[in-house]
Amino acid sequence: MPGREWTVDEQDQLLAEALKRDEPRLRSFIRKRVLDTADAEDVLQDVFYELIEAYRMMKPVEQVTAWLYRVARNRITDLFRRQKAVSLNDPVADGDESLAFEDLLPTPDAGPDAIYARNLLLEALEEAIDELPANQRDVFVAHELQGRSFKELSEETGVSVNTLLSRKRYAVLHLRQRLQEMDERFGTK
């Protein structure tokens, strides 16, 4: 009701009803768009925090559900804007040292054992790429190996740049994990 003054008790009641009614569906909506559970929970908390702030500033929201989804979309967009594309060649912290992909590979001029170990790791990388879900594998290969831009891929596939960034990030995390497992198994450092 425009112009109506809400009491604090009425505000609390409206907030409690909105949280109870909309929280499960809103959480599901966010989780479908944000793959990282912690990030999804952060977005959800931000959305409800903004709702509480709106009521506390005496600006009750008329259509709460629609407002919640609009704020959620905005927070998801903000999250993806903050994320940058990751690369297999970006350094990864491993204890006290920071390793890039090339650091995991023995140099070819270190002799036959090093060449053999290097080939094993490259084969493991190939297998790890094959293990990826198709959508992650496609964006990883197109961006990392073929050098195509996310904008170009987005225009070609109709998939948003943010979704492509997220898929590549998960691909890189999986590949790094597999390579580190191989490195630990064969002690190729």
N, C-alpha and C. Protein backbone atom coordinates (compact mmCIF):
# COMPACT_ATOMS: atom_id res chain seq x y z
N MET A 1 0.84 -1.18 0.00
CA MET A 1 0.00 0.00 0.00
C MET A 1 0.88 1.24 0.00
N PRO A 2 0.83 2.05 -1.05
CA PRO A 2 1.65 3.24 -1.11
C PRO A 2 1.29 4.21 0.00
N GLY A 3 2.32 4.80 0.59
CA GLY A 3 2.12 5.83 1.58
C GLY A 3 1.82 5.31 2.97
N ARG A 4 1.61 4.03 3.15
CA ARG A 4 1.28 3.47 4.46
C ARG A 4 2.54 3.36 5.30
N GLU A 5 2.45 3.70 6.55
CA GLU A 5 3.56 3.53 7.49
C GLU A 5 3.45 2.15 8.12
N TRP A 6 4.51 1.36 7.99
CA TRP A 6 4.53 0.02 8.55
C TRP A 6 5.20 0.07 9.91
N THR A 7 4.65 -0.66 10.87
CA THR A 7 5.31 -0.76 12.17
C THR A 7 6.45 -1.77 12.03
N VAL A 8 7.36 -1.72 12.98
CA VAL A 8 8.48 -2.65 12.96
C VAL A 8 7.98 -4.09 13.05
N ASP A 9 6.96 -4.33 13.85
CA ASP A 9 6.39 -5.69 13.97
C ASP A 9 5.80 -6.15 12.65
N GLU A 10 5.10 -5.25 11.94
CA GLU A 10 4.54 -5.59 10.64
C GLU A 10 5.65 -5.87 9.62
N GLN A 11 6.70 -5.06 9.66
CA GLN A 11 7.84 -5.29 8.77
C GLN A 11 8.46 -6.65 9.03
N ASP A 12 8.67 -6.96 10.30
CA ASP A 12 9.26 -8.25 10.66
C ASP A 12 8.39 -9.40 10.18
N GLN A 13 7.08 -9.25 10.31
CA GLN A 13 6.15 -10.29 9.87
C GLN A 13 6.22 -10.47 8.36
N LEU A 14 6.22 -9.35 7.61
CA LEU A 14 6.32 -9.42 6.15
C LEU A 14 7.65 -10.05 5.71
N LEU A 15 8.73 -9.69 6.38
CA LEU A 15 10.04 -10.26 6.05
C LEU A 15 10.05 -11.76 6.31
N ALA A 16 9.54 -12.16 7.47
CA ALA A 16 9.51 -13.59 7.82
C ALA A 16 8.70 -14.39 6.80
N GLU A 17 7.55 -13.83 6.38
CA GLU A 17 6.74 -14.52 5.38
C GLU A 17 7.46 -14.63 4.04
N ALA A 18 8.14 -13.55 3.64
CA ALA A 18 8.86 -13.56 2.36
C ALA A 18 9.99 -14.58 2.40
N LEU A 19 10.72 -14.61 3.51
CA LEU A 19 11.83 -15.57 3.63
C LEU A 19 11.32 -17.00 3.57
N LYS A 20 10.27 -17.27 4.30
CA LYS A 20 9.73 -18.63 4.33
C LYS A 20 9.19 -19.04 2.96
N ARG A 21 8.50 -18.13 2.30
CA ARG A 21 7.86 -18.43 1.02
C ARG A 21 8.87 -18.53 -0.14
N ASP A 22 9.82 -17.60 -0.18
CA ASP A 22 10.66 -17.45 -1.38
C ASP A 22 12.06 -18.06 -1.27
N GLU A 23 12.53 -18.33 -0.07
CA GLU A 23 13.91 -18.79 0.09
C GLU A 23 14.23 -20.08 -0.67
N PRO A 24 13.43 -21.14 -0.60
CA PRO A 24 13.80 -22.38 -1.31
C PRO A 24 13.88 -22.20 -2.83
N ARG A 25 12.90 -21.53 -3.42
CA ARG A 25 12.91 -21.33 -4.87
C ARG A 25 14.03 -20.39 -5.29
N LEU A 26 14.26 -19.35 -4.49
CA LEU A 26 15.31 -18.40 -4.81
C LEU A 26 16.69 -19.07 -4.72
N ARG A 27 16.88 -19.92 -3.71
CA ARG A 27 18.14 -20.65 -3.58
C ARG A 27 18.35 -21.54 -4.82
N SER A 28 17.32 -22.23 -5.24
CA SER A 28 17.41 -23.09 -6.42
C SER A 28 17.73 -22.26 -7.67
N PHE A 29 17.06 -21.12 -7.82
CA PHE A 29 17.29 -20.22 -8.94
C PHE A 29 18.77 -19.80 -8.99
N ILE A 30 19.32 -19.43 -7.85
CA ILE A 30 20.72 -18.99 -7.79
C ILE A 30 21.66 -20.16 -8.06
N ARG A 31 21.40 -21.32 -7.46
CA ARG A 31 22.29 -22.49 -7.63
C ARG A 31 22.36 -22.96 -9.08
N LYS A 32 21.31 -22.75 -9.85
CA LYS A 32 21.34 -23.14 -11.26
C LYS A 32 22.27 -22.23 -12.06
N ARG A 33 22.52 -21.04 -11.54
CA ARG A 33 23.33 -20.06 -12.25
C ARG A 33 24.73 -19.90 -11.68
N VAL A 34 24.89 -20.24 -10.41
CA VAL A 34 26.19 -20.11 -9.74
C VAL A 34 26.59 -21.51 -9.27
N LEU A 35 27.61 -22.07 -9.89
CA LEU A 35 27.98 -23.46 -9.61
C LEU A 35 28.66 -23.65 -8.26
N ASP A 36 29.41 -22.65 -7.82
CA ASP A 36 30.11 -22.75 -6.53
C ASP A 36 29.11 -22.54 -5.40
N THR A 37 28.98 -23.52 -4.50
CA THR A 37 27.99 -23.47 -3.43
C THR A 37 28.20 -22.27 -2.52
N ALA A 38 29.44 -21.98 -2.16
CA ALA A 38 29.72 -20.85 -1.26
C ALA A 38 29.32 -19.53 -1.92
N ASP A 39 29.65 -19.38 -3.20
CA ASP A 39 29.26 -18.16 -3.92
C ASP A 39 27.74 -18.04 -3.99
N ALA A 40 27.06 -19.14 -4.24
CA ALA A 40 25.60 -19.12 -4.32
C ALA A 40 24.99 -18.70 -2.99
N GLU A 41 25.51 -19.23 -1.90
CA GLU A 41 25.01 -18.85 -0.57
C GLU A 41 25.28 -17.38 -0.28
N ASP A 42 26.44 -16.88 -0.71
CA ASP A 42 26.75 -15.46 -0.54
C ASP A 42 25.75 -14.59 -1.28
N VAL A 43 25.42 -14.97 -2.50
CA VAL A 43 24.44 -14.22 -3.29
C VAL A 43 23.10 -14.22 -2.58
N LEU A 44 22.67 -15.39 -2.11
CA LEU A 44 21.39 -15.50 -1.41
C LEU A 44 21.36 -14.59 -0.18
N GLN A 45 22.44 -14.63 0.60
CA GLN A 45 22.50 -13.79 1.80
C GLN A 45 22.47 -12.31 1.44
N ASP A 46 23.19 -11.93 0.36
CA ASP A 46 23.18 -10.53 -0.08
C ASP A 46 21.77 -10.08 -0.46
N VAL A 47 21.04 -10.95 -1.15
CA VAL A 47 19.68 -10.61 -1.58
C VAL A 47 18.79 -10.37 -0.36
N PHE A 48 18.84 -11.27 0.61
CA PHE A 48 17.99 -11.10 1.79
C PHE A 48 18.45 -9.92 2.64
N TYR A 49 19.73 -9.68 2.67
CA TYR A 49 20.24 -8.50 3.39
C TYR A 49 19.67 -7.22 2.76
N GLU A 50 19.67 -7.15 1.45
CA GLU A 50 19.12 -5.97 0.77
C GLU A 50 17.63 -5.83 1.04
N LEU A 51 16.91 -6.93 1.13
CA LEU A 51 15.48 -6.87 1.44
C LEU A 51 15.28 -6.29 2.84
N ILE A 52 16.03 -6.78 3.79
CA ILE A 52 15.93 -6.28 5.16
C ILE A 52 16.28 -4.80 5.22
N GLU A 53 17.34 -4.40 4.52
CA GLU A 53 17.73 -3.00 4.49
C GLU A 53 16.64 -2.12 3.90
N ALA A 54 15.99 -2.60 2.84
CA ALA A 54 14.91 -1.81 2.22
C ALA A 54 13.79 -1.58 3.23
N TYR A 55 13.44 -2.60 3.98
CA TYR A 55 12.38 -2.44 4.97
C TYR A 55 12.84 -1.55 6.12
N ARG A 56 14.06 -1.68 6.54
CA ARG A 56 14.56 -0.87 7.65
C ARG A 56 14.67 0.60 7.27
N MET A 57 14.86 0.86 5.97
CA MET A 57 14.93 2.25 5.49
C MET A 57 13.54 2.78 5.20
N MET A 58 12.52 2.02 5.66
CA MET A 58 11.12 2.40 5.48
C MET A 58 10.74 2.49 4.01
N LYS A 59 11.31 1.58 3.21
CA LYS A 59 10.97 1.49 1.80
C LYS A 59 10.47 0.08 1.51
N PRO A 60 9.36 -0.32 2.11
CA PRO A 60 8.88 -1.69 1.87
C PRO A 60 8.69 -1.96 0.38
N VAL A 61 8.99 -3.17 0.00
CA VAL A 61 8.91 -3.60 -1.38
C VAL A 61 7.51 -4.12 -1.63
N GLU A 62 6.88 -3.63 -2.71
CA GLU A 62 5.49 -4.02 -3.00
C GLU A 62 5.39 -5.46 -3.49
N GLN A 63 6.16 -5.81 -4.52
CA GLN A 63 6.10 -7.17 -5.06
C GLN A 63 7.42 -7.85 -4.69
N VAL A 64 7.44 -8.42 -3.51
CA VAL A 64 8.66 -8.94 -2.91
C VAL A 64 9.32 -10.01 -3.77
N THR A 65 8.57 -10.97 -4.24
CA THR A 65 9.15 -12.08 -5.00
C THR A 65 9.85 -11.58 -6.26
N ALA A 66 9.19 -10.76 -7.04
CA ALA A 66 9.80 -10.22 -8.26
C ALA A 66 11.05 -9.40 -7.91
N TRP A 67 10.96 -8.63 -6.84
CA TRP A 67 12.09 -7.81 -6.40
C TRP A 67 13.28 -8.70 -6.02
N LEU A 68 13.02 -9.78 -5.29
CA LEU A 68 14.08 -10.69 -4.87
C LEU A 68 14.82 -11.28 -6.07
N TYR A 69 14.07 -11.71 -7.07
CA TYR A 69 14.69 -12.30 -8.27
C TYR A 69 15.48 -11.27 -9.05
N ARG A 70 14.99 -10.05 -9.12
CA ARG A 70 15.72 -8.99 -9.82
C ARG A 70 17.05 -8.70 -9.10
N VAL A 71 17.01 -8.60 -7.78
CA VAL A 71 18.23 -8.37 -7.01
C VAL A 71 19.18 -9.57 -7.15
N ALA A 72 18.63 -10.78 -7.14
CA ALA A 72 19.48 -11.98 -7.30
C ALA A 72 20.19 -11.96 -8.65
N ARG A 73 19.47 -11.63 -9.72
CA ARG A 73 20.10 -11.56 -11.05
C ARG A 73 21.23 -10.53 -11.05
N ASN A 74 20.98 -9.38 -10.41
CA ASN A 74 22.01 -8.34 -10.35
C ASN A 74 23.24 -8.81 -9.56
N ARG A 75 23.02 -9.49 -8.45
CA ARG A 75 24.16 -9.97 -7.63
C ARG A 75 24.94 -11.06 -8.38
N ILE A 76 24.24 -11.91 -9.12
CA ILE A 76 24.91 -12.94 -9.92
C ILE A 76 25.77 -12.29 -11.00
N THR A 77 25.22 -11.28 -11.65
CA THR A 77 25.98 -10.54 -12.66
C THR A 77 27.22 -9.91 -12.04
N ASP A 78 27.05 -9.29 -10.87
CA ASP A 78 28.19 -8.68 -10.17
C ASP A 78 29.27 -9.73 -9.87
N LEU A 79 28.83 -10.90 -9.42
CA LEU A 79 29.77 -11.98 -9.10
C LEU A 79 30.58 -12.38 -10.33
N PHE A 80 29.92 -12.58 -11.46
CA PHE A 80 30.62 -12.99 -12.67
C PHE A 80 31.53 -11.89 -13.20
N ARG A 81 31.16 -10.65 -13.01
CA ARG A 81 32.03 -9.56 -13.44
C ARG A 81 33.33 -9.53 -12.65
N ARG A 82 33.24 -9.91 -11.38
CA ARG A 82 34.45 -9.92 -10.53
C ARG A 82 35.38 -11.08 -10.88
N GLN A 83 34.81 -12.16 -11.42
CA GLN A 83 35.64 -13.32 -11.76
C GLN A 83 36.35 -13.05 -13.08
N LYS A 84 37.62 -13.43 -13.13
CA LYS A 84 38.35 -13.30 -14.40
C LYS A 84 38.57 -14.69 -14.96
N ALA A 85 38.89 -14.72 -16.22
CA ALA A 85 39.15 -16.01 -16.86
C ALA A 85 40.40 -16.62 -16.25
N VAL A 86 40.35 -17.89 -15.97
CA VAL A 86 41.52 -18.58 -15.46
C VAL A 86 42.15 -19.36 -16.60
N SER A 87 43.43 -19.58 -16.47
CA SER A 87 44.16 -20.30 -17.49
C SER A 87 44.93 -21.43 -16.82
N LEU A 88 45.19 -22.45 -17.56
CA LEU A 88 46.00 -23.55 -17.05
C LEU A 88 47.41 -23.06 -16.76
N ASN A 89 47.83 -22.00 -17.42
CA ASN A 89 49.17 -21.45 -17.20
C ASN A 89 49.24 -20.46 -16.05
N ASP A 90 48.09 -20.09 -15.45
CA ASP A 90 48.13 -19.22 -14.28
C ASP A 90 48.79 -19.98 -13.13
N PRO A 91 49.64 -19.30 -12.35
CA PRO A 91 50.26 -19.97 -11.21
C PRO A 91 49.22 -20.42 -10.19
N VAL A 92 49.50 -21.55 -9.56
CA VAL A 92 48.65 -22.11 -8.52
C VAL A 92 49.49 -22.25 -7.27
N ALA A 93 48.95 -21.83 -6.14
CA ALA A 93 49.68 -21.99 -4.88
C ALA A 93 49.67 -23.46 -4.49
N ASP A 94 50.83 -23.97 -4.19
CA ASP A 94 50.96 -25.37 -3.77
C ASP A 94 51.88 -25.36 -2.55
N GLY A 95 51.28 -25.22 -1.38
CA GLY A 95 52.09 -25.10 -0.18
C GLY A 95 52.80 -23.76 -0.19
N ASP A 96 54.14 -23.80 -0.16
CA ASP A 96 54.92 -22.57 -0.13
C ASP A 96 55.29 -22.08 -1.51
N GLU A 97 55.04 -22.88 -2.53
CA GLU A 97 55.45 -22.47 -3.87
C GLU A 97 54.25 -22.26 -4.78
N SER A 98 54.49 -21.53 -5.85
CA SER A 98 53.44 -21.24 -6.83
C SER A 98 53.83 -21.90 -8.14
N LEU A 99 52.97 -22.79 -8.63
CA LEU A 99 53.30 -23.57 -9.81
C LEU A 99 52.41 -23.21 -10.99
N ALA A 100 53.00 -23.08 -12.15
CA ALA A 100 52.25 -22.94 -13.39
C ALA A 100 52.32 -24.29 -14.10
N PHE A 101 51.51 -24.46 -15.11
CA PHE A 101 51.48 -25.72 -15.84
C PHE A 101 52.87 -26.11 -16.32
N GLU A 102 53.58 -25.16 -16.90
CA GLU A 102 54.93 -25.45 -17.42
C GLU A 102 55.87 -25.92 -16.31
N ASP A 103 55.64 -25.45 -15.06
CA ASP A 103 56.48 -25.87 -13.94
C ASP A 103 56.28 -27.35 -13.61
N LEU A 104 55.12 -27.88 -13.93
CA LEU A 104 54.85 -29.29 -13.65
C LEU A 104 55.52 -30.22 -14.67
N LEU A 105 55.84 -29.66 -15.83
CA LEU A 105 56.44 -30.47 -16.89
C LEU A 105 57.95 -30.46 -16.79
N PRO A 106 58.57 -31.62 -16.79
CA PRO A 106 60.03 -31.66 -16.81
C PRO A 106 60.54 -31.08 -18.14
N THR A 107 61.70 -30.47 -18.11
CA THR A 107 62.24 -29.90 -19.35
C THR A 107 62.69 -31.04 -20.26
N PRO A 108 62.44 -30.90 -21.55
CA PRO A 108 62.81 -31.96 -22.49
C PRO A 108 64.32 -32.18 -22.57
N ASP A 109 65.11 -31.16 -22.24
CA ASP A 109 66.56 -31.32 -22.35
C ASP A 109 67.19 -31.90 -21.09
N ALA A 110 66.38 -32.46 -20.18
CA ALA A 110 66.91 -33.06 -18.96
C ALA A 110 67.15 -34.56 -19.11
N GLY A 111 67.07 -35.05 -20.33
CA GLY A 111 67.38 -36.46 -20.56
C GLY A 111 66.15 -37.29 -20.87
N PRO A 112 66.39 -38.58 -21.18
CA PRO A 112 65.31 -39.47 -21.59
C PRO A 112 64.24 -39.68 -20.52
N ASP A 113 64.64 -39.74 -19.25
CA ASP A 113 63.65 -39.92 -18.18
C ASP A 113 62.71 -38.72 -18.10
N ALA A 114 63.26 -37.54 -18.26
CA ALA A 114 62.45 -36.33 -18.21
C ALA A 114 61.50 -36.27 -19.41
N ILE A 115 61.98 -36.66 -20.57
CA ILE A 115 61.12 -36.68 -21.75
C ILE A 115 59.97 -37.67 -21.55
N TYR A 116 60.28 -38.84 -21.00
CA TYR A 116 59.26 -39.84 -20.72
C TYR A 116 58.22 -39.28 -19.73
N ALA A 117 58.70 -38.67 -18.65
CA ALA A 117 57.80 -38.10 -17.64
C ALA A 117 56.94 -36.98 -18.24
N ARG A 118 57.55 -36.16 -19.06
CA ARG A 118 56.82 -35.07 -19.73
C ARG A 118 55.70 -35.65 -20.61
N ASN A 119 56.03 -36.69 -21.36
CA ASN A 119 55.03 -37.32 -22.22
C ASN A 119 53.89 -37.94 -21.40
N LEU A 120 54.24 -38.54 -20.24
CA LEU A 120 53.21 -39.10 -19.36
C LEU A 120 52.25 -38.00 -18.89
N LEU A 121 52.81 -36.86 -18.50
CA LEU A 121 51.97 -35.76 -18.03
C LEU A 121 51.10 -35.20 -19.15
N LEU A 122 51.66 -35.10 -20.35
CA LEU A 122 50.87 -34.60 -21.47
C LEU A 122 49.74 -35.57 -21.82
N GLU A 123 50.02 -36.88 -21.73
CA GLU A 123 48.97 -37.88 -21.94
C GLU A 123 47.90 -37.77 -20.85
N ALA A 124 48.35 -37.55 -19.61
CA ALA A 124 47.40 -37.39 -18.51
C ALA A 124 46.52 -36.16 -18.73
N LEU A 125 47.12 -35.10 -19.26
CA LEU A 125 46.36 -33.90 -19.57
C LEU A 125 45.29 -34.20 -20.62
N GLU A 126 45.69 -34.93 -21.63
CA GLU A 126 44.74 -35.31 -22.69
C GLU A 126 43.58 -36.14 -22.12
N GLU A 127 43.92 -37.10 -21.25
CA GLU A 127 42.88 -37.92 -20.62
C GLU A 127 41.97 -37.06 -19.74
N ALA A 128 42.58 -36.13 -19.00
CA ALA A 128 41.79 -35.26 -18.11
C ALA A 128 40.86 -34.36 -18.93
N ILE A 129 41.32 -33.90 -20.06
CA ILE A 129 40.46 -33.09 -20.94
C ILE A 129 39.29 -33.94 -21.42
N ASP A 130 39.56 -35.21 -21.77
CA ASP A 130 38.50 -36.10 -22.22
C ASP A 130 37.47 -36.39 -21.11
N GLU A 131 37.90 -36.30 -19.84
CA GLU A 131 37.01 -36.56 -18.71
C GLU A 131 36.03 -35.41 -18.46
N LEU A 132 36.35 -34.24 -18.95
CA LEU A 132 35.52 -33.06 -18.70
C LEU A 132 34.14 -33.22 -19.33
N PRO A 133 33.11 -32.62 -18.69
CA PRO A 133 31.81 -32.55 -19.37
C PRO A 133 32.00 -31.81 -20.70
N ALA A 134 31.22 -32.16 -21.68
CA ALA A 134 31.39 -31.60 -23.03
C ALA A 134 31.39 -30.08 -23.05
N ASN A 135 30.48 -29.45 -22.28
CA ASN A 135 30.42 -27.99 -22.33
C ASN A 135 31.68 -27.35 -21.75
N GLN A 136 32.29 -27.95 -20.72
CA GLN A 136 33.54 -27.44 -20.16
C GLN A 136 34.71 -27.70 -21.12
N ARG A 137 34.74 -28.90 -21.67
CA ARG A 137 35.82 -29.26 -22.60
C ARG A 137 35.81 -28.34 -23.82
N ASP A 138 34.63 -28.11 -24.37
CA ASP A 138 34.54 -27.28 -25.57
C ASP A 138 35.06 -25.86 -25.33
N VAL A 139 34.65 -25.25 -24.23
CA VAL A 139 35.09 -23.88 -23.97
C VAL A 139 36.58 -23.85 -23.62
N PHE A 140 37.08 -24.86 -22.90
CA PHE A 140 38.51 -24.91 -22.57
C PHE A 140 39.34 -25.01 -23.84
N VAL A 141 39.00 -25.96 -24.70
CA VAL A 141 39.76 -26.17 -25.93
C VAL A 141 39.69 -24.92 -26.82
N ALA A 142 38.50 -24.37 -26.98
CA ALA A 142 38.34 -23.20 -27.85
C ALA A 142 39.11 -21.99 -27.34
N HIS A 143 39.07 -21.75 -26.04
CA HIS A 143 39.72 -20.55 -25.51
C HIS A 143 41.21 -20.78 -25.24
N GLU A 144 41.54 -21.85 -24.57
CA GLU A 144 42.92 -22.07 -24.13
C GLU A 144 43.81 -22.59 -25.26
N LEU A 145 43.31 -23.50 -26.05
CA LEU A 145 44.16 -24.12 -27.06
C LEU A 145 44.03 -23.46 -28.44
N GLN A 146 42.81 -23.02 -28.76
CA GLN A 146 42.61 -22.40 -30.08
C GLN A 146 42.70 -20.87 -30.03
N GLY A 147 42.75 -20.31 -28.81
CA GLY A 147 42.92 -18.87 -28.65
C GLY A 147 41.71 -18.04 -29.02
N ARG A 148 40.54 -18.63 -29.00
CA ARG A 148 39.32 -17.88 -29.35
C ARG A 148 38.83 -17.08 -28.15
N SER A 149 38.21 -15.94 -28.40
CA SER A 149 37.74 -15.08 -27.32
C SER A 149 36.39 -15.57 -26.79
N PHE A 150 36.12 -15.20 -25.52
CA PHE A 150 34.84 -15.57 -24.92
C PHE A 150 33.69 -14.87 -25.65
N LYS A 151 33.93 -13.65 -26.08
CA LYS A 151 32.89 -12.91 -26.80
C LYS A 151 32.53 -13.64 -28.10
N GLU A 152 33.55 -14.06 -28.81
CA GLU A 152 33.34 -14.79 -30.06
C GLU A 152 32.58 -16.10 -29.80
N LEU A 153 32.98 -16.83 -28.77
CA LEU A 153 32.32 -18.09 -28.44
C LEU A 153 30.86 -17.85 -28.03
N SER A 154 30.63 -16.77 -27.29
CA SER A 154 29.29 -16.44 -26.85
C SER A 154 28.39 -16.14 -28.05
N GLU A 155 28.90 -15.36 -28.98
CA GLU A 155 28.11 -15.02 -30.17
C GLU A 155 27.81 -16.27 -31.00
N GLU A 156 28.77 -17.16 -31.06
CA GLU A 156 28.62 -18.37 -31.87
C GLU A 156 27.64 -19.37 -31.25
N THR A 157 27.71 -19.50 -29.91
CA THR A 157 26.92 -20.54 -29.23
C THR A 157 25.63 -20.03 -28.61
N GLY A 158 25.54 -18.72 -28.39
CA GLY A 158 24.37 -18.17 -27.70
C GLY A 158 24.45 -18.32 -26.19
N VAL A 159 25.59 -18.80 -25.69
CA VAL A 159 25.80 -18.96 -24.25
C VAL A 159 26.47 -17.68 -23.74
N SER A 160 26.05 -17.19 -22.59
CA SER A 160 26.60 -15.93 -22.07
C SER A 160 28.09 -16.06 -21.75
N VAL A 161 28.78 -14.94 -21.83
CA VAL A 161 30.21 -14.90 -21.51
C VAL A 161 30.43 -15.38 -20.08
N ASN A 162 29.56 -14.96 -19.16
CA ASN A 162 29.72 -15.37 -17.75
C ASN A 162 29.64 -16.88 -17.59
N THR A 163 28.73 -17.51 -18.31
CA THR A 163 28.61 -18.97 -18.24
C THR A 163 29.85 -19.63 -18.83
N LEU A 164 30.36 -19.09 -19.93
CA LEU A 164 31.57 -19.64 -20.53
C LEU A 164 32.76 -19.51 -19.58
N LEU A 165 32.88 -18.36 -18.93
CA LEU A 165 33.95 -18.14 -17.95
C LEU A 165 33.87 -19.18 -16.83
N SER A 166 32.67 -19.41 -16.35
CA SER A 166 32.47 -20.36 -15.27
C SER A 166 32.83 -21.78 -15.72
N ARG A 167 32.40 -22.15 -16.91
CA ARG A 167 32.71 -23.50 -17.42
C ARG A 167 34.22 -23.69 -17.55
N LYS A 168 34.89 -22.68 -18.07
CA LYS A 168 36.34 -22.80 -18.23
C LYS A 168 37.02 -22.89 -16.87
N ARG A 169 36.55 -22.11 -15.93
CA ARG A 169 37.13 -22.13 -14.58
C ARG A 169 37.07 -23.54 -13.99
N TYR A 170 35.90 -24.18 -14.10
CA TYR A 170 35.76 -25.53 -13.56
C TYR A 170 36.64 -26.52 -14.33
N ALA A 171 36.77 -26.33 -15.62
CA ALA A 171 37.64 -27.20 -16.42
C ALA A 171 39.09 -27.06 -15.95
N VAL A 172 39.54 -25.84 -15.77
CA VAL A 172 40.92 -25.60 -15.34
C VAL A 172 41.17 -26.20 -13.95
N LEU A 173 40.22 -26.02 -13.05
CA LEU A 173 40.39 -26.59 -11.71
C LEU A 173 40.53 -28.11 -11.77
N HIS A 174 39.70 -28.75 -12.59
CA HIS A 174 39.77 -30.21 -12.74
C HIS A 174 41.12 -30.63 -13.34
N LEU A 175 41.54 -29.93 -14.38
CA LEU A 175 42.79 -30.30 -15.04
C LEU A 175 43.99 -30.10 -14.12
N ARG A 176 43.99 -29.02 -13.38
CA ARG A 176 45.09 -28.79 -12.43
C ARG A 176 45.17 -29.91 -11.40
N GLN A 177 43.99 -30.29 -10.90
CA GLN A 177 43.95 -31.36 -9.90
C GLN A 177 44.53 -32.65 -10.46
N ARG A 178 44.11 -33.01 -11.66
CA ARG A 178 44.61 -34.24 -12.28
C ARG A 178 46.11 -34.18 -12.52
N LEU A 179 46.61 -33.04 -12.99
CA LEU A 179 48.05 -32.90 -13.23
C LEU A 179 48.85 -32.96 -11.94
N GLN A 180 48.32 -32.36 -10.89
CA GLN A 180 49.01 -32.43 -9.61
C GLN A 180 49.05 -33.86 -9.08
N GLU A 181 47.97 -34.60 -9.30
CA GLU A 181 47.95 -36.02 -8.89
C GLU A 181 49.03 -36.79 -9.63
N MET A 182 49.14 -36.56 -10.94
CA MET A 182 50.17 -37.24 -11.73
C MET A 182 51.56 -36.83 -11.26
N ASP A 183 51.74 -35.55 -11.00
CA ASP A 183 53.04 -35.05 -10.57
C ASP A 183 53.44 -35.70 -9.24
N GLU A 184 52.49 -35.83 -8.33
CA GLU A 184 52.78 -36.45 -7.04
C GLU A 184 53.06 -37.93 -7.19
N ARG A 185 52.34 -38.59 -8.10
CA ARG A 185 52.53 -40.02 -8.32
C ARG A 185 53.90 -40.34 -8.87
N PHE A 186 54.34 -39.52 -9.82
CA PHE A 186 55.60 -39.82 -10.51
C PHE A 186 56.75 -38.95 -10.04
N GLY A 187 56.48 -38.00 -9.16
CA GLY A 187 57.56 -37.16 -8.62
C GLY A 187 58.35 -36.49 -9.72
N THR A 188 57.65 -35.80 -10.63
CA THR A 188 58.34 -35.22 -11.79
C THR A 188 58.86 -33.81 -11.55
N LYS A 189 58.70 -33.28 -10.36
CA LYS A 189 59.20 -31.92 -10.10
C LYS A 189 60.70 -31.89 -10.12
